[in-house]
């Protein structure tokens, strides 16, 4: 039994997806970002005008489409909007001020302009951009072919620590968005305050806590999102932490006591009683001194340690250790590599190649998957 747990990349995507729907404000934010893309992409003239303005900014990007099934698209959306925020507003202003445009187009452009000009929109943009950037680089690292359980735990832990650190950075984000948008107040500060009606039989003496201004955004949106992210990361890490408690001591065995080594090895033997022999603990105690002489580079992960063991002719002396390391290395920390095959297949066999035979389709798939292999075609 190897244990069953989810793909690290998919789990991370679910963390972000759940947090992105925690409050009405962020749901409204991502809906508005999609409105921006839909407005410009529905017209080639508007798209060309936008590109003309964005080209004035060094390193600018075209605005991106929000994809529900690909979490990384949210990072692309926020990155493009963050870089070209002011130019996008300028284009919208030009469009709704143009008398030659249809009234419906002018109305839509002005509506989007008003939404993007609010303090709420720019705050969400400044807050989500760095968070999504860390999610993006972590997701890319989790998709590497040589990743193992120890790397997954380290990446999840580091990401959780980062989210916990920025929990106290609300006013930093607030200053950034004020610089970006130039707004000083939120929309609800200028709207009429709602007062709860008091009924005759209402004997409660406690008054409702009503947050206003920046405190409303902090307590009802910012902290809710951050706490949701932390909660989901902790929940998704449970299965990985459980496995790490079983195997994690192997990478730090030189600092473990003899009693602790015997206790943890006994737990492994009980769990993998078909694969391991009862003298695993004695092997680990002897292997402890050898681990002290192995470089940090060769024991930073289970894959590196296993490779060192089998290439140094120590495999015959420590067969149980080789088996347990092999078990760890084949645990599927991510199934992103396998899913790439299906993505490639979808691109190759489309409606224009419906009659493609099996052998040719397999050959083309191998060529695309092995794009880093230099091939010479004889024509």
Protein backbone atom coordinates (compact mmCIF):
# COMPACT_ATOMS: atom_id res chain seq x y z
CA UNK A 1 0.00 0.00 0.00
CA UNK A 2 1.49 3.33 -1.06
CA UNK A 3 -1.14 5.62 0.35
CA UNK A 4 -3.54 7.77 -1.63
CA UNK A 5 -3.33 11.54 -1.84
CA UNK A 6 -4.10 14.19 -4.43
CA UNK A 7 -1.89 15.79 -7.01
CA UNK A 8 0.07 18.67 -5.50
CA UNK A 9 -0.66 21.00 -8.42
CA UNK A 10 -4.39 20.27 -8.42
CA UNK A 11 -4.57 20.73 -4.66
CA UNK A 12 -2.88 24.11 -4.98
CA UNK A 13 -5.34 25.12 -7.72
CA UNK A 14 -8.25 24.16 -5.47
CA UNK A 15 -6.78 26.28 -2.67
CA UNK A 16 -6.84 29.34 -4.88
CA UNK A 17 -10.24 28.53 -6.41
CA UNK A 18 -11.89 28.21 -3.01
CA UNK A 19 -10.30 31.40 -1.72
CA UNK A 20 -11.28 33.32 -4.87
CA UNK A 21 -14.95 32.78 -4.03
CA UNK A 22 -14.75 33.57 -0.32
CA UNK A 23 -16.20 37.11 -0.55
CA UNK A 24 -18.50 39.04 -2.85
CA UNK A 25 -15.86 41.71 -3.43
CA UNK A 26 -13.31 39.36 -5.00
CA UNK A 27 -16.00 37.57 -7.03
CA UNK A 28 -17.00 40.96 -8.38
CA UNK A 29 -13.35 41.81 -9.06
CA UNK A 30 -12.65 38.77 -11.24
CA UNK A 31 -15.98 39.24 -13.00
CA UNK A 32 -14.97 42.80 -13.87
CA UNK A 33 -11.56 41.68 -15.16
CA UNK A 34 -13.37 39.34 -17.55
CA UNK A 35 -15.61 42.22 -18.64
CA UNK A 36 -12.51 44.18 -19.64
CA UNK A 37 -11.25 41.33 -21.83
CA UNK A 38 -14.66 40.68 -23.39
CA UNK A 39 -15.11 44.35 -24.26
CA UNK A 40 -11.81 44.71 -26.12
CA UNK A 41 -11.65 41.23 -27.67
CA UNK A 42 -15.11 41.58 -29.24
CA UNK A 43 -13.85 44.28 -31.60
CA UNK A 44 -10.63 44.29 -33.65
CA UNK A 45 -10.58 48.10 -33.77
CA UNK A 46 -10.83 48.38 -29.97
CA UNK A 47 -8.17 45.69 -29.55
CA UNK A 48 -5.78 47.47 -31.92
CA UNK A 49 -6.35 50.75 -30.10
CA UNK A 50 -5.59 49.06 -26.78
CA UNK A 51 -2.42 47.47 -28.16
CA UNK A 52 -1.31 50.85 -29.45
CA UNK A 53 -1.57 52.37 -25.97
CA UNK A 54 -0.04 49.36 -24.20
CA UNK A 55 3.00 49.41 -26.49
CA UNK A 56 3.94 52.71 -24.90
CA UNK A 57 4.76 50.85 -21.68
CA UNK A 58 7.96 48.83 -21.49
CA UNK A 59 7.24 45.21 -20.64
CA UNK A 60 3.48 45.57 -21.08
CA UNK A 61 1.31 42.55 -21.86
CA UNK A 62 -1.93 42.08 -23.73
CA UNK A 63 -4.92 41.63 -21.46
CA UNK A 64 -5.73 37.98 -20.86
CA UNK A 65 -8.83 35.85 -20.75
CA UNK A 66 -9.95 34.41 -17.41
CA UNK A 67 -10.08 30.61 -17.64
CA UNK A 68 -12.07 28.79 -14.95
CA UNK A 69 -10.20 25.50 -15.38
CA UNK A 70 -6.70 27.00 -15.36
CA UNK A 71 -5.87 28.83 -12.15
CA UNK A 72 -2.67 30.33 -13.57
CA UNK A 73 -4.82 32.41 -15.94
CA UNK A 74 -5.80 34.58 -12.96
CA UNK A 75 -2.15 35.50 -12.50
CA UNK A 76 -1.85 36.38 -16.20
CA UNK A 77 -4.99 38.54 -15.95
CA UNK A 78 -3.79 40.43 -12.87
CA UNK A 79 -0.27 40.87 -14.24
CA UNK A 80 -1.45 42.38 -17.52
CA UNK A 81 -3.95 44.67 -15.76
CA UNK A 82 -1.45 45.74 -13.11
CA UNK A 83 1.16 46.76 -15.69
CA UNK A 84 -1.23 48.46 -18.12
CA UNK A 85 -3.78 49.79 -15.62
CA UNK A 86 -3.52 53.51 -16.46
CA UNK A 87 -3.27 52.96 -20.22
CA UNK A 88 -6.37 50.75 -20.18
CA UNK A 89 -8.27 53.52 -18.41
CA UNK A 90 -7.03 56.02 -21.00
CA UNK A 91 -8.28 53.81 -23.84
CA UNK A 92 -11.67 53.41 -22.19
CA UNK A 93 -11.91 57.18 -21.77
CA UNK A 94 -11.07 57.72 -25.43
CA UNK A 95 -13.72 55.23 -26.52
CA UNK A 96 -16.61 56.55 -24.44
CA UNK A 97 -15.70 60.14 -25.40
CA UNK A 98 -15.72 59.30 -29.11
CA UNK A 99 -18.91 60.66 -30.70
CA UNK A 100 -18.54 58.26 -33.63
CA UNK A 101 -18.99 55.22 -31.40
CA UNK A 102 -22.37 53.61 -30.96
CA UNK A 103 -24.19 54.66 -27.75
CA UNK A 104 -24.15 51.08 -26.44
CA UNK A 105 -20.36 50.90 -26.85
CA UNK A 106 -19.86 54.26 -25.14
CA UNK A 107 -22.11 53.21 -22.27
CA UNK A 108 -20.26 49.91 -21.81
CA UNK A 109 -16.84 51.59 -21.95
CA UNK A 110 -17.88 54.19 -19.37
CA UNK A 111 -19.33 51.52 -17.10
CA UNK A 112 -16.09 49.50 -17.17
CA UNK A 113 -14.09 52.71 -16.66
CA UNK A 114 -16.06 53.52 -13.51
CA UNK A 115 -15.60 50.01 -12.13
CA UNK A 116 -11.83 50.01 -12.77
CA UNK A 117 -11.44 53.49 -11.27
CA UNK A 118 -12.76 52.47 -7.87
CA UNK A 119 -10.57 51.96 -4.85
CA UNK A 120 -12.02 48.46 -4.45
CA UNK A 121 -10.88 47.29 -7.89
CA UNK A 122 -7.34 48.67 -7.60
CA UNK A 123 -6.97 47.30 -4.05
CA UNK A 124 -7.95 43.79 -5.15
CA UNK A 125 -5.54 44.10 -8.07
CA UNK A 126 -2.63 45.17 -5.83
CA UNK A 127 -3.45 42.44 -3.30
CA UNK A 128 -3.98 39.52 -5.67
CA UNK A 129 -1.04 40.20 -8.01
CA UNK A 130 1.81 39.26 -5.59
CA UNK A 131 -0.21 36.38 -4.10
CA UNK A 132 -0.99 34.89 -7.50
CA UNK A 133 2.63 35.33 -8.56
CA UNK A 134 3.79 33.15 -5.66
CA UNK A 135 1.07 30.61 -6.48
CA UNK A 136 2.22 30.58 -10.10
CA UNK A 137 5.91 29.93 -9.41
CA UNK A 138 5.00 27.31 -6.79
CA UNK A 139 2.70 25.58 -9.26
CA UNK A 140 5.44 25.52 -11.90
CA UNK A 141 7.86 24.00 -9.39
CA UNK A 142 5.30 21.33 -8.46
CA UNK A 143 5.04 20.31 -12.12
CA UNK A 144 8.73 19.42 -12.45
CA UNK A 145 9.46 15.81 -13.31
CA UNK A 146 12.04 15.29 -10.55
CA UNK A 147 9.92 16.58 -7.67
CA UNK A 148 9.31 14.33 -4.67
CA UNK A 149 7.47 14.38 -1.36
CA UNK A 150 10.09 16.46 0.48
CA UNK A 151 9.90 19.20 -2.17
CA UNK A 152 6.10 19.28 -2.03
CA UNK A 153 6.14 19.73 1.74
CA UNK A 154 8.76 22.49 1.51
CA UNK A 155 6.88 24.37 -1.20
CA UNK A 156 3.52 24.18 0.57
CA UNK A 157 5.06 25.23 3.89
CA UNK A 158 6.94 28.17 2.35
CA UNK A 159 3.79 29.35 0.57
CA UNK A 160 1.75 29.13 3.77
CA UNK A 161 4.43 31.10 5.66
CA UNK A 162 4.36 33.75 2.94
CA UNK A 163 0.57 34.12 3.18
CA UNK A 164 0.81 34.40 6.97
CA UNK A 165 3.45 37.12 6.63
CA UNK A 166 1.36 39.31 4.32
CA UNK A 167 -1.63 39.03 6.66
CA UNK A 168 -0.28 42.13 8.39
CA UNK A 169 0.37 43.98 5.12
CA UNK A 170 -3.11 45.41 4.55
CA UNK A 171 -2.05 49.04 4.80
CA UNK A 172 0.92 48.39 2.51
CA UNK A 173 -1.46 47.19 -0.19
CA UNK A 174 -3.75 50.13 0.55
CA UNK A 175 -0.96 52.65 -0.08
CA UNK A 176 0.04 50.87 -3.29
CA UNK A 177 -3.47 50.97 -4.71
CA UNK A 178 -3.91 54.63 -3.78
CA UNK A 179 -0.77 55.36 -5.77
CA UNK A 180 -2.06 53.25 -8.66
CA UNK A 181 -5.62 54.59 -8.89
CA UNK A 182 -5.37 57.97 -7.20
CA UNK A 183 -8.56 57.26 -5.23
CA UNK A 184 -8.73 57.94 -1.51
CA UNK A 185 -12.12 56.56 -0.48
CA UNK A 186 -14.13 53.40 -1.08
CA UNK A 187 -17.50 53.48 -2.82
CA UNK A 188 -19.46 52.52 0.29
CA UNK A 189 -18.07 55.53 2.22
CA UNK A 190 -20.16 57.87 0.08
CA UNK A 191 -23.29 55.70 0.10
CA UNK A 192 -26.07 55.78 2.66
CA UNK A 193 -25.50 53.65 5.74
CA UNK A 194 -27.96 50.82 6.35
CA UNK A 195 -29.42 50.64 9.86
CA UNK A 196 -30.99 47.44 11.09
CA UNK A 197 -34.61 47.83 12.06
CA UNK A 198 -35.26 47.18 15.76
CA UNK A 199 -38.37 45.13 16.48
CA UNK A 200 -40.58 45.64 19.54
CA UNK A 201 -39.75 42.23 20.99
CA UNK A 202 -36.04 42.65 20.40
CA UNK A 203 -34.52 42.64 23.90
CA UNK A 204 -30.89 42.38 22.85
CA UNK A 205 -28.76 45.15 24.25
CA UNK A 206 -25.77 44.45 22.04
CA UNK A 207 -25.27 46.69 19.06
CA UNK A 208 -24.05 45.44 15.67
CA UNK A 209 -20.42 46.08 14.82
CA UNK A 210 -20.36 48.03 11.56
CA UNK A 211 -16.98 48.58 9.93
CA UNK A 212 -16.46 51.64 7.78
CA UNK A 213 -13.82 52.80 5.34
CA UNK A 214 -10.59 50.82 5.17
CA UNK A 215 -11.56 48.77 8.24
CA UNK A 216 -14.51 47.38 6.31
CA UNK A 217 -12.26 46.26 3.47
CA UNK A 218 -9.72 44.85 5.91
CA UNK A 219 -12.09 42.82 8.09
CA UNK A 220 -14.75 41.79 5.60
CA UNK A 221 -12.60 41.10 2.54
CA UNK A 222 -8.82 41.12 3.03
CA UNK A 223 -8.60 39.03 6.22
CA UNK A 224 -11.33 36.67 5.00
CA UNK A 225 -9.36 35.90 1.83
CA UNK A 226 -6.03 35.49 3.62
CA UNK A 227 -7.49 33.27 6.34
CA UNK A 228 -9.26 31.18 3.71
CA UNK A 229 -5.97 30.67 1.88
CA UNK A 230 -4.19 29.65 5.08
CA UNK A 231 -7.01 27.28 6.06
CA UNK A 232 -7.11 25.60 2.65
CA UNK A 233 -3.31 25.24 2.53
CA UNK A 234 -3.29 23.58 5.95
CA UNK A 235 -6.13 21.28 4.94
CA UNK A 236 -4.44 20.25 1.69
CA UNK A 237 -1.14 19.66 3.48
CA UNK A 238 -2.58 17.09 5.89
CA UNK A 239 -2.05 14.06 3.65
CA UNK A 240 1.46 15.18 2.69
CA UNK A 241 2.33 15.87 6.32
CA UNK A 242 1.16 12.40 7.31
CA UNK A 243 3.48 10.80 4.77
CA UNK A 244 6.30 13.14 5.72
CA UNK A 245 5.99 12.02 9.34
CA UNK A 246 6.64 8.46 8.17
CA UNK A 247 9.53 9.12 5.79
CA UNK A 248 10.86 12.59 6.57
CA UNK A 249 13.36 11.44 9.22
CA UNK A 250 15.40 9.64 6.53
CA UNK A 251 16.78 12.91 5.13
CA UNK A 252 17.86 14.04 8.61
CA UNK A 253 18.78 10.67 10.06
CA UNK A 254 22.22 11.78 11.30
CA UNK A 255 20.48 14.01 13.86
CA UNK A 256 18.04 11.33 15.05
CA UNK A 257 18.58 9.32 18.23
CA UNK A 258 18.95 5.54 18.06
CA UNK A 259 15.68 4.96 19.90
CA UNK A 260 13.83 7.28 17.55
CA UNK A 261 15.30 5.53 14.50
CA UNK A 262 14.25 2.11 15.80
CA UNK A 263 10.75 3.38 16.62
CA UNK A 264 10.13 5.01 13.24
CA UNK A 265 11.66 2.14 11.30
CA UNK A 266 9.41 -0.27 13.20
CA UNK A 267 6.39 1.77 12.09
CA UNK A 268 7.56 1.55 8.48
CA UNK A 269 8.05 -2.21 8.71
CA UNK A 270 4.57 -2.63 10.17
CA UNK A 271 3.06 -0.54 7.39
CA UNK A 272 5.08 -2.14 4.54
CA UNK A 273 5.39 -5.61 6.07
CA UNK A 274 5.44 -7.31 2.66
CA UNK A 275 8.23 -5.15 1.20
CA UNK A 276 10.51 -4.56 4.20
CA UNK A 277 12.38 -6.84 6.56
CA UNK A 278 12.45 -6.47 10.31
CA UNK A 279 16.12 -5.43 10.43
CA UNK A 280 15.44 -2.06 8.72
CA UNK A 281 16.21 -0.27 11.99
CA UNK A 282 19.69 -1.79 12.22
CA UNK A 283 20.39 -0.88 8.60
CA UNK A 284 19.39 2.71 9.30
CA UNK A 285 21.61 2.91 12.36
CA UNK A 286 24.62 1.77 10.28
CA UNK A 287 23.56 4.07 7.42
CA UNK A 288 23.49 7.02 9.84
CA UNK A 289 27.28 7.44 9.78
CA UNK A 290 27.31 7.15 6.00
CA UNK A 291 24.70 9.90 5.71
CA UNK A 292 27.02 12.23 7.62
CA UNK A 293 29.58 11.87 4.80
CA UNK A 294 27.11 12.47 1.97
CA UNK A 295 27.06 16.01 0.60
CA UNK A 296 24.07 18.24 1.26
CA UNK A 297 23.36 18.36 -2.47
CA UNK A 298 22.96 14.57 -2.62
CA UNK A 299 20.60 14.36 0.33
CA UNK A 300 18.39 17.38 -0.22
CA UNK A 301 15.63 15.14 -1.64
CA UNK A 302 14.63 11.48 -1.66
CA UNK A 303 15.36 11.20 -5.39
CA UNK A 304 18.88 12.56 -4.96
CA UNK A 305 19.52 10.27 -1.99
CA UNK A 306 18.24 7.20 -3.85
CA UNK A 307 20.40 8.04 -6.86
CA UNK A 308 23.44 8.41 -4.60
CA UNK A 309 22.74 5.06 -2.97
CA UNK A 310 22.44 3.04 -6.18
CA UNK A 311 25.44 4.73 -7.87
CA UNK A 312 27.81 4.28 -4.93
CA UNK A 313 27.54 0.44 -4.80
CA UNK A 314 25.89 0.62 -1.37
CA UNK A 315 22.62 -0.86 -2.59
CA UNK A 316 23.67 -4.44 -1.76
CA UNK A 317 24.62 -3.49 1.80
CA UNK A 318 21.39 -1.61 2.50
CA UNK A 319 18.63 -3.37 0.52
CA UNK A 320 15.77 -2.28 2.80
CA UNK A 321 16.82 1.36 2.65
CA UNK A 322 16.91 1.16 -1.14
CA UNK A 323 13.40 -0.32 -1.14
CA UNK A 324 11.95 2.34 1.14
CA UNK A 325 13.59 5.12 -0.89
CA UNK A 326 12.20 3.59 -4.08
CA UNK A 327 8.72 3.53 -2.54
CA UNK A 328 8.99 7.21 -1.64
CA UNK A 329 10.27 8.18 -5.09
CA UNK A 330 7.37 6.54 -6.93
CA UNK A 331 4.72 8.25 -4.81
CA UNK A 332 2.91 10.52 -7.31
CA UNK A 333 3.51 14.00 -5.91
CA UNK A 334 2.09 15.39 -9.15
CA UNK A 335 0.35 13.93 -12.19
CA UNK A 336 0.99 16.99 -14.36
CA UNK A 337 3.47 15.09 -16.55
CA UNK A 338 0.89 12.43 -17.41
CA UNK A 339 -1.78 15.00 -18.18
CA UNK A 340 0.49 16.72 -20.69
CA UNK A 341 0.07 13.68 -22.91
CA UNK A 342 -3.68 14.22 -23.08
CA UNK A 343 -3.24 17.93 -23.78
CA UNK A 344 -0.86 17.13 -26.63
CA UNK A 345 -3.28 14.54 -28.01
CA UNK A 346 -6.08 17.11 -28.06
CA UNK A 347 -3.93 19.54 -30.06
CA UNK A 348 -2.74 16.90 -32.54
CA UNK A 349 -5.96 15.04 -33.30
CA UNK A 350 -8.44 17.81 -34.01
CA UNK A 351 -11.34 17.99 -36.43
CA UNK A 352 -8.93 18.61 -39.33
CA UNK A 353 -7.14 15.33 -38.59
CA UNK A 354 -10.08 13.12 -37.80
CA UNK A 355 -8.75 10.33 -40.06
CA UNK A 356 -5.29 10.24 -38.46
CA UNK A 357 -4.29 6.61 -37.87
CA UNK A 358 -3.09 5.31 -34.51
CA UNK A 359 0.57 4.81 -35.40
CA UNK A 360 1.06 8.26 -36.91
CA UNK A 361 -0.78 9.92 -34.02
CA UNK A 362 1.49 8.17 -31.49
CA UNK A 363 4.60 9.22 -33.41
CA UNK A 364 3.48 12.85 -33.58
CA UNK A 365 2.66 12.83 -29.86
CA UNK A 366 6.13 11.55 -29.02
CA UNK A 367 7.73 14.25 -31.17
CA UNK A 368 5.77 17.01 -29.43
CA UNK A 369 6.42 15.62 -25.93
CA UNK A 370 10.14 15.25 -26.68
CA UNK A 371 10.50 18.75 -28.09
CA UNK A 372 13.87 19.16 -26.33
CA UNK A 373 15.35 16.27 -28.31
CA UNK A 374 16.98 17.47 -31.52
CA UNK A 375 15.55 15.58 -34.46
CA UNK A 376 16.84 15.62 -38.02
CA UNK A 377 14.26 15.24 -40.72
CA UNK A 378 15.33 13.87 -44.08
CA UNK A 379 13.26 15.31 -46.87
